[in-house]
Amino acid sequence: MTRAVSAVIAAALLAPARAAPLPGAKAKRMLADGLRQYHRLELQAARASFDAALQAAPSWKAAAGFRAAARWTLGDHAGARQDAEF
């Protein structure tokens, strides 16, 4: 993982916390699917899974951080920065 990707993920995970409900089972499944896809370098599919996780749990910072990594790797640096500021 490059330093830039690490910085984007760190920014997303270290942002000030907001009170939010815990993600449900569907969101957790989508995140797990996305992580498997990301590790297999199926980046478009991973981003779609992270999108689905965020639709199921809109305030989930971990999902936004992983989507930022996928976006960055795909070359969507502006989108990755938006996720990092989530």
C-alpha atoms as a PDB file:
ATOM      1  CA  MET A   1       0.000   0.000   0.000  1.00  0.00           C
ATOM      2  CA  THR A   2       1.413   3.382  -0.906  1.00  0.00           C
ATOM      3  CA  ARG A   3       1.918   6.164   1.588  1.00  0.00           C
ATOM      4  CA  ALA A   4      -0.775   8.221  -0.120  1.00  0.00           C
ATOM      5  CA  VAL A   5      -3.348   5.441   0.266  1.00  0.00           C
ATOM      6  CA  SER A   6      -2.309   4.963   3.898  1.00  0.00           C
ATOM      7  CA  ALA A   7      -2.712   8.693   4.500  1.00  0.00           C
ATOM      8  CA  VAL A   8      -6.187   8.695   2.956  1.00  0.00           C
ATOM      9  CA  ILE A   9      -7.299   5.738   5.095  1.00  0.00           C
ATOM     10  CA  ALA A  10      -5.778   7.264   8.236  1.00  0.00           C
ATOM     11  CA  ALA A  11      -7.553  10.562   7.601  1.00  0.00           C
ATOM     12  CA  ALA A  12     -10.869   8.752   7.203  1.00  0.00           C
ATOM     13  CA  LEU A  13     -10.426   6.675  10.343  1.00  0.00           C
ATOM     14  CA  LEU A  14      -9.060   9.462  12.533  1.00  0.00           C
ATOM     15  CA  ALA A  15     -11.686  12.091  11.700  1.00  0.00           C
ATOM     16  CA  PRO A  16     -13.764  13.280  14.663  1.00  0.00           C
ATOM     17  CA  ALA A  17     -16.308  10.635  15.611  1.00  0.00           C
ATOM     18  CA  ARG A  18     -20.029  11.269  15.268  1.00  0.00           C
ATOM     19  CA  ALA A  19     -22.617   9.269  17.114  1.00  0.00           C
ATOM     20  CA  ALA A  20     -23.960   6.753  14.632  1.00  0.00           C
ATOM     21  CA  PRO A  21     -25.832   3.489  14.799  1.00  0.00           C
ATOM     22  CA  LEU A  22     -23.783   0.333  14.473  1.00  0.00           C
ATOM     23  CA  PRO A  23     -23.760  -1.175  10.983  1.00  0.00           C
ATOM     24  CA  GLY A  24     -26.132  -4.080  10.462  1.00  0.00           C
ATOM     25  CA  ALA A  25     -25.432  -7.547   9.114  1.00  0.00           C
ATOM     26  CA  LYS A  26     -26.049  -6.522   5.485  1.00  0.00           C
ATOM     27  CA  ALA A  27     -23.544  -3.674   5.682  1.00  0.00           C
ATOM     28  CA  LYS A  28     -20.980  -5.943   7.326  1.00  0.00           C
ATOM     29  CA  ARG A  29     -21.416  -8.548   4.560  1.00  0.00           C
ATOM     30  CA  MET A  30     -20.955  -5.882   1.892  1.00  0.00           C
ATOM     31  CA  LEU A  31     -17.794  -4.624   3.584  1.00  0.00           C
ATOM     32  CA  ALA A  32     -16.408  -8.163   3.894  1.00  0.00           C
ATOM     33  CA  ASP A  33     -17.172  -8.794   0.214  1.00  0.00           C
ATOM     34  CA  GLY A  34     -15.432  -5.563  -0.709  1.00  0.00           C
ATOM     35  CA  LEU A  35     -12.340  -6.442   1.286  1.00  0.00           C
ATOM     36  CA  ARG A  36     -12.067  -9.842  -0.399  1.00  0.00           C
ATOM     37  CA  GLN A  37     -12.486  -8.227  -3.803  1.00  0.00           C
ATOM     38  CA  TYR A  38      -9.943  -5.528  -3.015  1.00  0.00           C
ATOM     39  CA  HIS A  39      -7.356  -8.123  -2.002  1.00  0.00           C
ATOM     40  CA  ARG A  40      -7.995  -9.992  -5.262  1.00  0.00           C
ATOM     41  CA  LEU A  41      -7.489  -6.637  -7.085  1.00  0.00           C
ATOM     42  CA  GLU A  42     -11.087  -6.642  -8.300  1.00  0.00           C
ATOM     43  CA  LEU A  43     -11.174  -2.920  -7.632  1.00  0.00           C
ATOM     44  CA  GLN A  44     -14.371  -1.918  -9.455  1.00  0.00           C
ATOM     45  CA  ALA A  45     -16.291  -4.706  -7.708  1.00  0.00           C
ATOM     46  CA  ALA A  46     -14.727  -3.742  -4.369  1.00  0.00           C
ATOM     47  CA  ARG A  47     -15.788  -0.132  -4.799  1.00  0.00           C
ATOM     48  CA  ALA A  48     -19.332  -1.260  -5.619  1.00  0.00           C
ATOM     49  CA  SER A  49     -19.396  -3.407  -2.461  1.00  0.00           C
ATOM     50  CA  PHE A  50     -18.129  -0.498  -0.359  1.00  0.00           C
ATOM     51  CA  ASP A  51     -20.806   1.700  -1.964  1.00  0.00           C
ATOM     52  CA  ALA A  52     -23.437  -0.878  -0.942  1.00  0.00           C
ATOM     53  CA  ALA A  53     -22.053  -1.020   2.597  1.00  0.00           C
ATOM     54  CA  LEU A  54     -22.336   2.756   2.827  1.00  0.00           C
ATOM     55  CA  GLN A  55     -25.889   2.680   1.488  1.00  0.00           C
ATOM     56  CA  ALA A  56     -26.788   0.210   4.219  1.00  0.00           C
ATOM     57  CA  ALA A  57     -24.885   2.157   6.905  1.00  0.00           C
ATOM     58  CA  PRO A  58     -24.426   5.740   5.622  1.00  0.00           C
ATOM     59  CA  SER A  59     -22.285   6.997   8.491  1.00  0.00           C
ATOM     60  CA  TRP A  60     -19.859   4.049   8.648  1.00  0.00           C
ATOM     61  CA  LYS A  61     -16.375   5.563   8.586  1.00  0.00           C
ATOM     62  CA  ALA A  62     -14.565   2.239   8.134  1.00  0.00           C
ATOM     63  CA  ALA A  63     -16.474   1.567   4.909  1.00  0.00           C
ATOM     64  CA  ALA A  64     -15.691   5.101   3.713  1.00  0.00           C
ATOM     65  CA  GLY A  65     -12.003   4.566   4.482  1.00  0.00           C
ATOM     66  CA  PHE A  66     -11.827   1.344   2.508  1.00  0.00           C
ATOM     67  CA  ARG A  67     -13.779   2.905  -0.360  1.00  0.00           C
ATOM     68  CA  ALA A  68     -11.237   5.734  -0.313  1.00  0.00           C
ATOM     69  CA  ALA A  69      -8.451   3.185  -0.779  1.00  0.00           C
ATOM     70  CA  ALA A  70     -10.268   1.568  -3.705  1.00  0.00           C
ATOM     71  CA  ARG A  71     -11.017   4.926  -5.297  1.00  0.00           C
ATOM     72  CA  TRP A  72      -7.423   6.083  -4.894  1.00  0.00           C
ATOM     73  CA  THR A  73      -6.075   2.891  -6.449  1.00  0.00           C
ATOM     74  CA  LEU A  74      -8.512   3.287  -9.361  1.00  0.00           C
ATOM     75  CA  GLY A  75      -7.247   6.836  -9.914  1.00  0.00           C
ATOM     76  CA  ASP A  76     -10.266   8.674  -8.450  1.00  0.00           C
ATOM     77  CA  HIS A  77      -8.192  10.852  -6.150  1.00  0.00           C
ATOM     78  CA  ALA A  78     -10.908  13.484  -5.689  1.00  0.00           C
ATOM     79  CA  GLY A  79     -13.415  10.812  -4.636  1.00  0.00           C
ATOM     80  CA  ALA A  80     -10.866   9.266  -2.309  1.00  0.00           C
ATOM     81  CA  ARG A  81     -10.283  12.623  -0.651  1.00  0.00           C
ATOM     82  CA  GLN A  82     -14.044  13.100  -0.205  1.00  0.00           C
ATOM     83  CA  ASP A  83     -14.261   9.733   1.511  1.00  0.00           C
ATOM     84  CA  ALA A  84     -11.272  10.606   3.680  1.00  0.00           C
ATOM     85  CA  GLU A  85     -13.036  13.781   4.849  1.00  0.00           C
ATOM     86  CA  PHE A  86     -16.237  11.796   5.518  1.00  0.00           C
END
